[in-house]
Amino acid sequence: MTRTNRATLRKRSLAGPRFRQCAATFFVIGSLALAVGVGVAWRRARSTGDTVLICRRTNVQMDCLQFWSASGGLRVLVGRFTDSYDAADLALQPVITHSSYDPGTRPYPYERYVRDGDSVSTGLGFEFFRRNYDIGTYRERCASVTAPYWFFLVLFMTIPLYRMRSFVQRRRQELRHAPGRCVVCGYDLRGSPHQCPECGMVPSPIAQ
């Protein structure tokens, strides 16, 4: 078998119905797993806030990626902080830390100290924040996005619900075209072959 023929067969296998079915199943299972994870995190966030910090520091500069989780939602922040007075010789390799806190009545993802010049947009539980702060000896450049947990639940449940809807519709079509079934509603006509008791449809002699 030539290389061209093998490539053609590989393309056909990837485009075949079996591969598409496996891919769809994989996405459904993955989406359901993510939705369950979001539900567990949301329940924990109702009583305990969590923050994860991933940073890389030099003696005067810190680049960081930080996540906050509280009952209000999930926040992701990316920033660079520079302090010319910090002369500590810190490690250059990335550092990952985790800590928990009491979110209180108003969880941290919706509370922050806003400086003059900060850009903040909020609505429906979402928040877009950007800071460009510079006083010479200290500079702070960061941006963050906050989204409520219900948004992630809707996002991750979209694919499973769509697949379930497609399965129900396909099953209904199979029942309607099965022998002895009503072509309109799929009702079993073996007990009343002359008229469907469900929708009133009178089957044609060919359908009977």
N, C-alpha and C. Protein backbone atom coordinates (compact mmCIF):
# COMPACT_ATOMS: atom_id res chain seq x y z
N MET A 1 0.85 -1.19 0.00
CA MET A 1 0.00 0.00 0.00
C MET A 1 0.89 1.25 0.00
N THR A 2 0.61 2.15 -0.91
CA THR A 2 1.42 3.35 -1.02
C THR A 2 1.11 4.32 0.10
N ARG A 3 2.00 5.32 0.25
CA ARG A 3 1.81 6.33 1.29
C ARG A 3 0.55 7.16 1.03
N THR A 4 0.26 7.42 -0.24
CA THR A 4 -0.95 8.19 -0.58
C THR A 4 -2.20 7.44 -0.18
N ASN A 5 -2.22 6.11 -0.43
CA ASN A 5 -3.40 5.32 -0.07
C ASN A 5 -3.59 5.27 1.45
N ARG A 6 -2.46 5.14 2.19
CA ARG A 6 -2.57 5.12 3.65
C ARG A 6 -3.09 6.46 4.18
N ALA A 7 -2.64 7.56 3.60
CA ALA A 7 -3.13 8.87 4.02
C ALA A 7 -4.61 9.02 3.71
N THR A 8 -5.04 8.51 2.55
CA THR A 8 -6.46 8.59 2.19
C THR A 8 -7.31 7.78 3.15
N LEU A 9 -6.85 6.56 3.51
CA LEU A 9 -7.60 5.75 4.46
C LEU A 9 -7.66 6.39 5.83
N ARG A 10 -6.55 7.03 6.24
CA ARG A 10 -6.54 7.70 7.54
C ARG A 10 -7.55 8.86 7.56
N LYS A 11 -7.60 9.62 6.48
CA LYS A 11 -8.56 10.72 6.41
C LYS A 11 -9.99 10.19 6.44
N ARG A 12 -10.23 9.09 5.73
CA ARG A 12 -11.58 8.53 5.73
C ARG A 12 -11.97 8.02 7.10
N SER A 13 -11.02 7.40 7.83
CA SER A 13 -11.33 6.90 9.17
C SER A 13 -11.62 8.03 10.14
N LEU A 14 -10.88 9.16 10.00
CA LEU A 14 -11.11 10.30 10.87
C LEU A 14 -12.42 10.99 10.56
N ALA A 15 -12.85 10.90 9.29
CA ALA A 15 -14.10 11.56 8.91
C ALA A 15 -15.29 10.62 8.99
N GLY A 16 -15.08 9.37 9.38
CA GLY A 16 -16.16 8.40 9.42
C GLY A 16 -17.11 8.62 10.58
N PRO A 17 -18.30 8.01 10.50
CA PRO A 17 -19.30 8.19 11.56
C PRO A 17 -18.86 7.63 12.91
N ARG A 18 -18.05 6.56 12.90
CA ARG A 18 -17.60 5.98 14.17
C ARG A 18 -16.68 6.94 14.91
N PHE A 19 -15.76 7.58 14.16
CA PHE A 19 -14.87 8.54 14.80
C PHE A 19 -15.65 9.73 15.34
N ARG A 20 -16.62 10.23 14.57
CA ARG A 20 -17.42 11.36 15.02
C ARG A 20 -18.22 11.00 16.26
N GLN A 21 -18.72 9.77 16.31
CA GLN A 21 -19.46 9.33 17.48
C GLN A 21 -18.57 9.26 18.71
N CYS A 22 -17.34 8.74 18.53
CA CYS A 22 -16.40 8.67 19.66
C CYS A 22 -16.00 10.06 20.13
N ALA A 23 -15.77 10.97 19.17
CA ALA A 23 -15.40 12.34 19.54
C ALA A 23 -16.53 13.02 20.30
N ALA A 24 -17.77 12.82 19.82
CA ALA A 24 -18.91 13.43 20.51
C ALA A 24 -19.06 12.87 21.92
N THR A 25 -18.87 11.55 22.08
CA THR A 25 -18.96 10.94 23.40
C THR A 25 -17.88 11.49 24.33
N PHE A 26 -16.68 11.65 23.79
CA PHE A 26 -15.58 12.20 24.59
C PHE A 26 -15.89 13.61 25.08
N PHE A 27 -16.42 14.46 24.18
CA PHE A 27 -16.75 15.82 24.58
C PHE A 27 -17.88 15.86 25.59
N VAL A 28 -18.85 14.98 25.44
CA VAL A 28 -19.96 14.94 26.40
C VAL A 28 -19.46 14.54 27.78
N ILE A 29 -18.65 13.47 27.85
CA ILE A 29 -18.12 13.02 29.14
C ILE A 29 -17.23 14.09 29.75
N GLY A 30 -16.38 14.71 28.94
CA GLY A 30 -15.51 15.77 29.45
C GLY A 30 -16.30 16.96 29.97
N SER A 31 -17.34 17.35 29.24
CA SER A 31 -18.17 18.48 29.67
C SER A 31 -18.90 18.17 30.97
N LEU A 32 -19.42 16.95 31.08
CA LEU A 32 -20.09 16.55 32.32
C LEU A 32 -19.12 16.55 33.50
N ALA A 33 -17.89 16.05 33.27
CA ALA A 33 -16.90 16.04 34.34
C ALA A 33 -16.55 17.46 34.78
N LEU A 34 -16.40 18.36 33.83
CA LEU A 34 -16.12 19.76 34.17
C LEU A 34 -17.29 20.40 34.91
N ALA A 35 -18.51 20.07 34.49
CA ALA A 35 -19.68 20.63 35.18
C ALA A 35 -19.75 20.13 36.62
N VAL A 36 -19.45 18.85 36.83
CA VAL A 36 -19.42 18.32 38.20
C VAL A 36 -18.34 19.02 39.01
N GLY A 37 -17.16 19.22 38.41
CA GLY A 37 -16.10 19.92 39.11
C GLY A 37 -16.48 21.34 39.48
N VAL A 38 -17.16 22.03 38.58
CA VAL A 38 -17.62 23.39 38.88
C VAL A 38 -18.63 23.37 40.03
N GLY A 39 -19.54 22.38 40.02
CA GLY A 39 -20.51 22.29 41.11
C GLY A 39 -19.84 22.04 42.46
N VAL A 40 -18.83 21.17 42.48
CA VAL A 40 -18.11 20.91 43.73
C VAL A 40 -17.37 22.16 44.20
N ALA A 41 -16.70 22.85 43.26
CA ALA A 41 -15.98 24.07 43.63
C ALA A 41 -16.93 25.16 44.12
N TRP A 42 -18.10 25.26 43.48
CA TRP A 42 -19.08 26.26 43.89
C TRP A 42 -19.57 25.98 45.31
N ARG A 43 -19.84 24.71 45.61
CA ARG A 43 -20.29 24.38 46.96
C ARG A 43 -19.23 24.69 48.00
N ARG A 44 -17.97 24.38 47.69
CA ARG A 44 -16.89 24.69 48.63
C ARG A 44 -16.74 26.20 48.78
N ALA A 45 -16.90 26.93 47.68
CA ALA A 45 -16.70 28.38 47.72
C ALA A 45 -17.76 29.10 48.55
N ARG A 46 -18.87 28.45 48.83
CA ARG A 46 -19.90 29.09 49.65
C ARG A 46 -19.44 29.28 51.09
N SER A 47 -18.46 28.49 51.52
CA SER A 47 -17.97 28.61 52.90
C SER A 47 -16.48 28.93 52.98
N THR A 48 -15.72 28.61 51.94
CA THR A 48 -14.27 28.80 51.97
C THR A 48 -13.80 29.36 50.64
N GLY A 49 -13.03 30.43 50.72
CA GLY A 49 -12.41 30.97 49.52
C GLY A 49 -11.04 30.36 49.30
N ASP A 50 -10.64 30.23 48.05
CA ASP A 50 -9.34 29.67 47.70
C ASP A 50 -8.64 30.60 46.72
N THR A 51 -7.33 30.64 46.83
CA THR A 51 -6.52 31.38 45.87
C THR A 51 -5.28 30.57 45.54
N VAL A 52 -4.94 30.53 44.27
CA VAL A 52 -3.74 29.85 43.78
C VAL A 52 -2.90 30.88 43.04
N LEU A 53 -1.63 30.99 43.42
CA LEU A 53 -0.72 31.96 42.84
C LEU A 53 0.43 31.24 42.16
N ILE A 54 0.65 31.56 40.89
CA ILE A 54 1.79 31.05 40.13
C ILE A 54 2.62 32.27 39.74
N CYS A 55 3.85 32.35 40.25
CA CYS A 55 4.64 33.56 40.01
C CYS A 55 6.10 33.21 39.71
N ARG A 56 6.75 34.15 39.07
CA ARG A 56 8.18 34.07 38.80
C ARG A 56 8.78 35.41 39.18
N ARG A 57 9.73 35.40 40.11
CA ARG A 57 10.25 36.64 40.66
C ARG A 57 11.74 36.80 40.40
N THR A 58 12.14 38.06 40.20
CA THR A 58 13.54 38.45 40.25
C THR A 58 13.70 39.33 41.49
N ASN A 59 14.81 40.04 41.58
CA ASN A 59 15.01 40.85 42.78
C ASN A 59 14.10 42.07 42.83
N VAL A 60 13.57 42.52 41.68
CA VAL A 60 12.71 43.71 41.70
C VAL A 60 11.40 43.49 40.97
N GLN A 61 11.18 42.37 40.35
CA GLN A 61 10.01 42.19 39.49
C GLN A 61 9.34 40.85 39.74
N MET A 62 8.00 40.85 39.64
CA MET A 62 7.24 39.61 39.79
C MET A 62 6.19 39.54 38.69
N ASP A 63 6.23 38.46 37.92
CA ASP A 63 5.20 38.13 36.95
C ASP A 63 4.33 37.04 37.55
N CYS A 64 3.03 37.24 37.54
CA CYS A 64 2.17 36.28 38.24
C CYS A 64 0.90 35.99 37.46
N LEU A 65 0.39 34.80 37.72
CA LEU A 65 -0.92 34.34 37.27
C LEU A 65 -1.64 33.86 38.52
N GLN A 66 -2.78 34.47 38.85
CA GLN A 66 -3.46 34.15 40.11
C GLN A 66 -4.93 33.85 39.87
N PHE A 67 -5.42 32.86 40.63
CA PHE A 67 -6.83 32.45 40.57
C PHE A 67 -7.46 32.64 41.94
N TRP A 68 -8.67 33.21 41.97
CA TRP A 68 -9.46 33.28 43.19
C TRP A 68 -10.78 32.55 42.97
N SER A 69 -11.22 31.87 44.01
CA SER A 69 -12.51 31.20 43.97
C SER A 69 -13.28 31.54 45.23
N ALA A 70 -14.49 32.05 45.07
CA ALA A 70 -15.39 32.32 46.18
C ALA A 70 -16.81 32.15 45.66
N SER A 71 -17.79 32.26 46.55
CA SER A 71 -19.16 31.98 46.14
C SER A 71 -19.65 32.89 45.03
N GLY A 72 -19.02 34.06 44.89
CA GLY A 72 -19.42 34.96 43.80
C GLY A 72 -18.95 34.51 42.44
N GLY A 73 -17.89 33.71 42.39
CA GLY A 73 -17.41 33.26 41.10
C GLY A 73 -15.93 32.98 41.11
N LEU A 74 -15.35 32.98 39.92
CA LEU A 74 -13.94 32.67 39.72
C LEU A 74 -13.26 33.85 39.05
N ARG A 75 -12.11 34.24 39.58
CA ARG A 75 -11.36 35.36 39.02
C ARG A 75 -9.99 34.86 38.58
N VAL A 76 -9.55 35.35 37.41
CA VAL A 76 -8.22 35.06 36.88
C VAL A 76 -7.52 36.39 36.66
N LEU A 77 -6.31 36.52 37.22
CA LEU A 77 -5.55 37.76 37.11
C LEU A 77 -4.17 37.46 36.53
N VAL A 78 -3.74 38.30 35.60
CA VAL A 78 -2.40 38.25 35.03
C VAL A 78 -1.77 39.61 35.24
N GLY A 79 -0.56 39.63 35.81
CA GLY A 79 0.04 40.92 36.09
C GLY A 79 1.55 40.88 36.23
N ARG A 80 2.13 42.09 36.22
CA ARG A 80 3.56 42.28 36.46
C ARG A 80 3.72 43.41 37.46
N PHE A 81 4.49 43.15 38.51
CA PHE A 81 4.68 44.12 39.59
C PHE A 81 6.18 44.38 39.75
N THR A 82 6.55 45.64 39.76
CA THR A 82 7.95 46.02 39.85
C THR A 82 8.14 46.99 41.01
N ASP A 83 9.09 46.65 41.89
CA ASP A 83 9.39 47.48 43.06
C ASP A 83 10.90 47.67 43.12
N SER A 84 11.36 48.90 42.86
CA SER A 84 12.80 49.16 42.83
C SER A 84 13.43 49.08 44.21
N TYR A 85 12.63 49.12 45.29
CA TYR A 85 13.18 49.05 46.64
C TYR A 85 13.38 47.61 47.11
N ASP A 86 12.79 46.66 46.40
CA ASP A 86 12.90 45.26 46.82
C ASP A 86 14.22 44.70 46.30
N ALA A 87 15.19 44.60 47.18
CA ALA A 87 16.52 44.15 46.77
C ALA A 87 16.77 42.69 47.14
N ALA A 88 15.75 41.97 47.57
CA ALA A 88 15.93 40.57 47.97
C ALA A 88 16.30 39.73 46.76
N ASP A 89 17.19 38.80 46.97
CA ASP A 89 17.62 37.92 45.89
C ASP A 89 16.73 36.69 45.89
N LEU A 90 15.63 36.75 45.15
CA LEU A 90 14.65 35.68 45.15
C LEU A 90 14.90 34.72 44.00
N ALA A 91 14.38 33.51 44.14
CA ALA A 91 14.59 32.48 43.13
C ALA A 91 13.93 32.87 41.82
N LEU A 92 14.54 32.46 40.72
CA LEU A 92 14.01 32.77 39.40
C LEU A 92 13.00 31.74 38.92
N GLN A 93 13.01 30.53 39.47
CA GLN A 93 12.10 29.51 39.00
C GLN A 93 10.67 29.83 39.46
N PRO A 94 9.68 29.35 38.70
CA PRO A 94 8.28 29.61 39.08
C PRO A 94 7.94 29.02 40.44
N VAL A 95 7.09 29.71 41.17
CA VAL A 95 6.64 29.29 42.49
C VAL A 95 5.11 29.17 42.45
N ILE A 96 4.59 28.07 42.98
CA ILE A 96 3.14 27.84 43.03
C ILE A 96 2.72 27.71 44.49
N THR A 97 1.77 28.54 44.90
CA THR A 97 1.27 28.51 46.28
C THR A 97 -0.25 28.48 46.29
N HIS A 98 -0.79 27.88 47.35
CA HIS A 98 -2.24 27.82 47.53
C HIS A 98 -2.57 28.24 48.95
N SER A 99 -3.64 28.97 49.12
CA SER A 99 -4.09 29.38 50.45
C SER A 99 -5.60 29.51 50.44
N SER A 100 -6.20 29.42 51.62
CA SER A 100 -7.64 29.56 51.79
C SER A 100 -7.93 30.75 52.69
N TYR A 101 -9.14 31.28 52.57
CA TYR A 101 -9.52 32.43 53.37
C TYR A 101 -11.03 32.42 53.57
N ASP A 102 -11.48 33.20 54.52
CA ASP A 102 -12.91 33.33 54.79
C ASP A 102 -13.48 34.41 53.87
N PRO A 103 -14.37 34.05 52.93
CA PRO A 103 -14.86 35.05 51.99
C PRO A 103 -15.79 36.08 52.61
N GLY A 104 -16.35 35.79 53.79
CA GLY A 104 -17.24 36.74 54.43
C GLY A 104 -18.58 36.83 53.71
N THR A 105 -19.31 37.89 54.01
CA THR A 105 -20.63 38.06 53.40
C THR A 105 -20.52 38.49 51.94
N ARG A 106 -19.43 39.17 51.58
CA ARG A 106 -19.20 39.57 50.19
C ARG A 106 -17.87 38.98 49.74
N PRO A 107 -17.90 37.94 48.94
CA PRO A 107 -16.67 37.23 48.59
C PRO A 107 -15.70 38.12 47.81
N TYR A 108 -14.44 37.80 47.97
CA TYR A 108 -13.37 38.64 47.41
C TYR A 108 -13.47 38.87 45.91
N PRO A 109 -13.87 37.90 45.10
CA PRO A 109 -13.90 38.19 43.67
C PRO A 109 -14.71 39.41 43.27
N TYR A 110 -15.55 39.94 44.16
CA TYR A 110 -16.28 41.17 43.82
C TYR A 110 -15.77 42.37 44.62
N GLU A 111 -14.71 42.19 45.41
CA GLU A 111 -14.17 43.29 46.20
C GLU A 111 -12.69 43.50 45.86
N ARG A 112 -12.29 44.71 45.69
CA ARG A 112 -10.89 45.04 45.46
C ARG A 112 -10.70 46.53 45.73
N TYR A 113 -9.47 46.90 46.00
CA TYR A 113 -9.15 48.31 46.18
C TYR A 113 -8.94 48.94 44.80
N VAL A 114 -9.75 49.91 44.47
CA VAL A 114 -9.71 50.54 43.16
C VAL A 114 -8.93 51.85 43.26
N ARG A 115 -7.87 51.96 42.47
CA ARG A 115 -7.07 53.17 42.43
C ARG A 115 -7.59 54.12 41.35
N ASP A 116 -7.16 55.35 41.41
CA ASP A 116 -7.47 56.28 40.34
C ASP A 116 -6.78 55.83 39.05
N GLY A 117 -7.54 55.82 37.98
CA GLY A 117 -7.00 55.36 36.70
C GLY A 117 -7.31 53.92 36.38
N ASP A 118 -7.83 53.16 37.34
CA ASP A 118 -8.22 51.77 37.06
C ASP A 118 -9.44 51.74 36.16
N SER A 119 -9.50 50.72 35.33
CA SER A 119 -10.64 50.52 34.45
C SER A 119 -11.42 49.30 34.95
N VAL A 120 -12.68 49.51 35.33
CA VAL A 120 -13.51 48.44 35.87
C VAL A 120 -14.86 48.45 35.16
N SER A 121 -15.27 47.30 34.65
CA SER A 121 -16.59 47.13 34.03
C SER A 121 -17.26 45.93 34.68
N THR A 122 -18.48 46.10 35.16
CA THR A 122 -19.21 45.02 35.83
C THR A 122 -20.61 44.90 35.27
N GLY A 123 -21.19 43.71 35.43
CA GLY A 123 -22.56 43.46 35.01
C GLY A 123 -22.89 41.99 35.04
N LEU A 124 -24.04 41.65 35.60
CA LEU A 124 -24.53 40.27 35.66
C LEU A 124 -23.55 39.33 36.36
N GLY A 125 -22.78 39.86 37.31
CA GLY A 125 -21.82 39.03 38.01
C GLY A 125 -20.46 38.95 37.35
N PHE A 126 -20.31 39.53 36.16
CA PHE A 126 -19.03 39.55 35.46
C PHE A 126 -18.28 40.83 35.82
N GLU A 127 -16.95 40.75 35.74
CA GLU A 127 -16.13 41.93 35.97
C GLU A 127 -14.89 41.86 35.09
N PHE A 128 -14.59 42.99 34.45
CA PHE A 128 -13.37 43.14 33.67
C PHE A 128 -12.59 44.30 34.28
N PHE A 129 -11.35 44.00 34.67
CA PHE A 129 -10.56 44.98 35.42
C PHE A 129 -9.19 45.12 34.77
N ARG A 130 -8.69 46.38 34.73
CA ARG A 130 -7.35 46.64 34.20
C ARG A 130 -6.71 47.77 35.00
N ARG A 131 -5.43 47.56 35.34
CA ARG A 131 -4.71 48.57 36.13
C ARG A 131 -3.35 48.85 35.47
N ASN A 132 -3.02 50.13 35.38
CA ASN A 132 -1.72 50.58 34.89
C ASN A 132 -1.25 51.68 35.84
N TYR A 133 -0.56 51.26 36.89
CA TYR A 133 -0.21 52.16 37.99
C TYR A 133 1.30 52.32 38.04
N ASP A 134 1.79 53.56 38.10
CA ASP A 134 3.23 53.83 38.08
C ASP A 134 3.52 55.08 38.90
N ILE A 135 4.32 54.92 39.96
CA ILE A 135 4.74 56.07 40.77
C ILE A 135 6.28 56.18 40.77
N GLY A 136 6.90 55.61 39.76
CA GLY A 136 8.36 55.70 39.66
C GLY A 136 9.06 54.55 40.34
N THR A 137 8.95 54.48 41.67
CA THR A 137 9.61 53.41 42.41
C THR A 137 8.80 52.11 42.42
N TYR A 138 7.54 52.21 42.06
CA TYR A 138 6.67 51.02 42.05
C TYR A 138 5.77 51.08 40.83
N ARG A 139 5.71 49.99 40.08
CA ARG A 139 4.85 49.90 38.90
C ARG A 139 4.00 48.63 39.00
N GLU A 140 2.78 48.77 38.56
CA GLU A 140 1.84 47.65 38.62
C GLU A 140 1.04 47.62 37.32
N ARG A 141 1.18 46.52 36.59
CA ARG A 141 0.43 46.30 35.36
C ARG A 141 -0.31 44.99 35.51
N CYS A 142 -1.62 45.03 35.49
CA CYS A 142 -2.38 43.78 35.66
C CYS A 142 -3.75 43.92 35.03
N ALA A 143 -4.34 42.78 34.75
CA ALA A 143 -5.70 42.70 34.21
C ALA A 143 -6.34 41.43 34.74
N SER A 144 -7.64 41.48 34.97
CA SER A 144 -8.34 40.30 35.50
C SER A 144 -9.73 40.20 34.91
N VAL A 145 -10.22 38.98 34.90
CA VAL A 145 -11.58 38.69 34.45
C VAL A 145 -12.25 37.86 35.54
N THR A 146 -13.46 38.27 35.94
CA THR A 146 -14.24 37.54 36.94
C THR A 146 -15.54 37.08 36.31
N ALA A 147 -15.89 35.82 36.51
CA ALA A 147 -17.13 35.26 35.97
C ALA A 147 -17.83 34.47 37.05
N PRO A 148 -19.16 34.54 37.13
CA PRO A 148 -19.90 33.78 38.15
C PRO A 148 -19.90 32.29 37.81
N TYR A 149 -20.10 31.48 38.84
CA TYR A 149 -20.07 30.03 38.63
C TYR A 149 -21.20 29.54 37.75
N TRP A 150 -22.35 30.22 37.78
CA TRP A 150 -23.46 29.76 36.93
C TRP A 150 -23.08 29.83 35.46
N PHE A 151 -22.20 30.76 35.09
CA PHE A 151 -21.78 30.86 33.69
C PHE A 151 -21.02 29.60 33.26
N PHE A 152 -20.15 29.08 34.13
CA PHE A 152 -19.40 27.88 33.79
C PHE A 152 -20.31 26.65 33.73
N LEU A 153 -21.31 26.60 34.61
CA LEU A 153 -22.26 25.49 34.55
C LEU A 153 -23.02 25.48 33.23
N VAL A 154 -23.51 26.65 32.81
CA VAL A 154 -24.22 26.75 31.53
C VAL A 154 -23.29 26.39 30.38
N LEU A 155 -22.04 26.87 30.45
CA LEU A 155 -21.08 26.61 29.38
C LEU A 155 -20.79 25.12 29.23
N PHE A 156 -20.55 24.44 30.34
CA PHE A 156 -20.15 23.03 30.28
C PHE A 156 -21.34 22.10 30.08
N MET A 157 -22.55 22.56 30.37
CA MET A 157 -23.73 21.72 30.17
C MET A 157 -24.34 21.89 28.79
N THR A 158 -23.84 22.81 27.98
CA THR A 158 -24.42 23.07 26.67
C THR A 158 -24.28 21.86 25.76
N ILE A 159 -23.07 21.28 25.68
CA ILE A 159 -22.84 20.14 24.79
C ILE A 159 -23.66 18.91 25.22
N PRO A 160 -23.64 18.51 26.51
CA PRO A 160 -24.48 17.36 26.89
C PRO A 160 -25.96 17.56 26.61
N LEU A 161 -26.48 18.75 26.89
CA LEU A 161 -27.90 18.99 26.64
C LEU A 161 -28.21 18.97 25.15
N TYR A 162 -27.31 19.50 24.34
CA TYR A 162 -27.52 19.47 22.89
C TYR A 162 -27.50 18.04 22.37
N ARG A 163 -26.56 17.23 22.87
CA ARG A 163 -26.49 15.85 22.43
C ARG A 163 -27.72 15.06 22.89
N MET A 164 -28.21 15.35 24.09
CA MET A 164 -29.41 14.68 24.58
C MET A 164 -30.61 15.04 23.70
N ARG A 165 -30.72 16.29 23.33
CA ARG A 165 -31.81 16.73 22.46
C ARG A 165 -31.72 16.04 21.10
N SER A 166 -30.51 15.94 20.55
CA SER A 166 -30.34 15.26 19.26
C SER A 166 -30.69 13.78 19.37
N PHE A 167 -30.32 13.15 20.49
CA PHE A 167 -30.64 11.73 20.68
C PHE A 167 -32.14 11.52 20.76
N VAL A 168 -32.85 12.39 21.49
CA VAL A 168 -34.31 12.25 21.62
C VAL A 168 -34.97 12.43 20.25
N GLN A 169 -34.53 13.43 19.49
CA GLN A 169 -35.12 13.64 18.17
C GLN A 169 -34.85 12.46 17.24
N ARG A 170 -33.63 11.93 17.27
CA ARG A 170 -33.30 10.79 16.42
C ARG A 170 -34.10 9.56 16.82
N ARG A 171 -34.30 9.38 18.12
CA ARG A 171 -35.08 8.23 18.60
C ARG A 171 -36.54 8.35 18.18
N ARG A 172 -37.08 9.55 18.22
CA ARG A 172 -38.46 9.75 17.78
C ARG A 172 -38.61 9.45 16.29
N GLN A 173 -37.64 9.87 15.49
CA GLN A 173 -37.71 9.58 14.06
C GLN A 173 -37.63 8.09 13.79
N GLU A 174 -36.80 7.39 14.55
CA GLU A 174 -36.71 5.94 14.38
C GLU A 174 -38.03 5.26 14.73
N LEU A 175 -38.69 5.73 15.79
CA LEU A 175 -39.97 5.14 16.18
C LEU A 175 -41.05 5.42 15.15
N ARG A 176 -41.02 6.63 14.58
CA ARG A 176 -42.05 6.97 13.58
C ARG A 176 -41.92 6.13 12.32
N HIS A 177 -40.71 5.75 11.96
CA HIS A 177 -40.50 4.98 10.74
C HIS A 177 -40.46 3.48 11.01
N ALA A 178 -40.64 3.06 12.23
CA ALA A 178 -40.66 1.63 12.53
C ALA A 178 -41.98 1.02 12.09
N PRO A 179 -42.00 -0.25 11.68
CA PRO A 179 -43.26 -0.90 11.28
C PRO A 179 -44.26 -0.92 12.42
N GLY A 180 -45.53 -0.62 12.10
CA GLY A 180 -46.59 -0.63 13.09
C GLY A 180 -46.61 0.59 13.98
N ARG A 181 -45.91 1.65 13.61
CA ARG A 181 -45.87 2.89 14.39
C ARG A 181 -46.52 4.02 13.61
N CYS A 182 -47.09 4.94 14.33
CA CYS A 182 -47.67 6.14 13.72
C CYS A 182 -46.54 7.00 13.18
N VAL A 183 -46.69 7.46 11.91
CA VAL A 183 -45.63 8.25 11.29
C VAL A 183 -45.60 9.68 11.83
N VAL A 184 -46.64 10.09 12.56
CA VAL A 184 -46.69 11.45 13.09
C VAL A 184 -46.11 11.52 14.50
N CYS A 185 -46.58 10.63 15.40
CA CYS A 185 -46.17 10.71 16.80
C CYS A 185 -45.40 9.48 17.28
N GLY A 186 -45.32 8.41 16.45
CA GLY A 186 -44.59 7.22 16.84
C GLY A 186 -45.36 6.28 17.74
N TYR A 187 -46.66 6.48 17.92
CA TYR A 187 -47.45 5.63 18.80
C TYR A 187 -47.58 4.23 18.21
N ASP A 188 -47.64 3.22 19.07
CA ASP A 188 -47.77 1.83 18.64
C ASP A 188 -49.20 1.60 18.15
N LEU A 189 -49.34 1.24 16.83
CA LEU A 189 -50.68 1.07 16.22
C LEU A 189 -51.11 -0.39 16.12
N ARG A 190 -50.39 -1.29 16.80
CA ARG A 190 -50.79 -2.70 16.68
C ARG A 190 -52.14 -2.96 17.31
N GLY A 191 -52.52 -2.19 18.32
CA GLY A 191 -53.83 -2.39 18.93
C GLY A 191 -54.94 -1.63 18.23
N SER A 192 -54.64 -0.63 17.44
CA SER A 192 -55.64 0.17 16.70
C SER A 192 -55.04 0.54 15.36
N PRO A 193 -54.96 -0.40 14.42
CA PRO A 193 -54.27 -0.14 13.15
C PRO A 193 -54.99 0.82 12.22
N HIS A 194 -56.28 1.12 12.45
CA HIS A 194 -57.04 1.96 11.52
C HIS A 194 -56.94 3.45 11.86
N GLN A 195 -56.60 3.79 13.11
CA GLN A 195 -56.47 5.20 13.50
C GLN A 195 -55.61 5.30 14.75
N CYS A 196 -54.76 6.29 14.77
CA CYS A 196 -53.87 6.48 15.92
C CYS A 196 -54.67 7.09 17.07
N PRO A 197 -54.77 6.43 18.22
CA PRO A 197 -55.50 7.00 19.35
C PRO A 197 -54.77 8.17 20.01
N GLU A 198 -53.52 8.39 19.67
CA GLU A 198 -52.73 9.45 20.30
C GLU A 198 -52.94 10.79 19.59
N CYS A 199 -52.83 10.78 18.24
CA CYS A 199 -52.94 12.04 17.49
C CYS A 199 -54.10 12.05 16.50
N GLY A 200 -54.77 10.90 16.30
CA GLY A 200 -55.91 10.85 15.39
C GLY A 200 -55.55 10.62 13.94
N MET A 201 -54.31 10.38 13.63
CA MET A 201 -53.90 10.18 12.24
C MET A 201 -54.42 8.84 11.73
N VAL A 202 -54.92 8.85 10.50
CA VAL A 202 -55.41 7.64 9.86
C VAL A 202 -54.32 7.15 8.90
N PRO A 203 -53.70 6.00 9.18
CA PRO A 203 -52.62 5.53 8.32
C PRO A 203 -53.12 5.14 6.94
N SER A 204 -52.26 5.38 5.95
CA SER A 204 -52.60 5.00 4.58
C SER A 204 -52.51 3.49 4.42
N PRO A 205 -53.15 2.94 3.40
CA PRO A 205 -53.07 1.48 3.21
C PRO A 205 -51.64 0.99 3.03
N ILE A 206 -50.77 1.81 2.40
CA ILE A 206 -49.38 1.39 2.21
C ILE A 206 -48.67 1.31 3.54
N ALA A 207 -48.93 2.33 4.42
CA ALA A 207 -48.28 2.35 5.73
C ALA A 207 -48.73 1.20 6.59
N GLN A 208 -50.02 0.79 6.42
CA GLN A 208 -50.52 -0.35 7.18
C GLN A 208 -49.89 -1.66 6.70
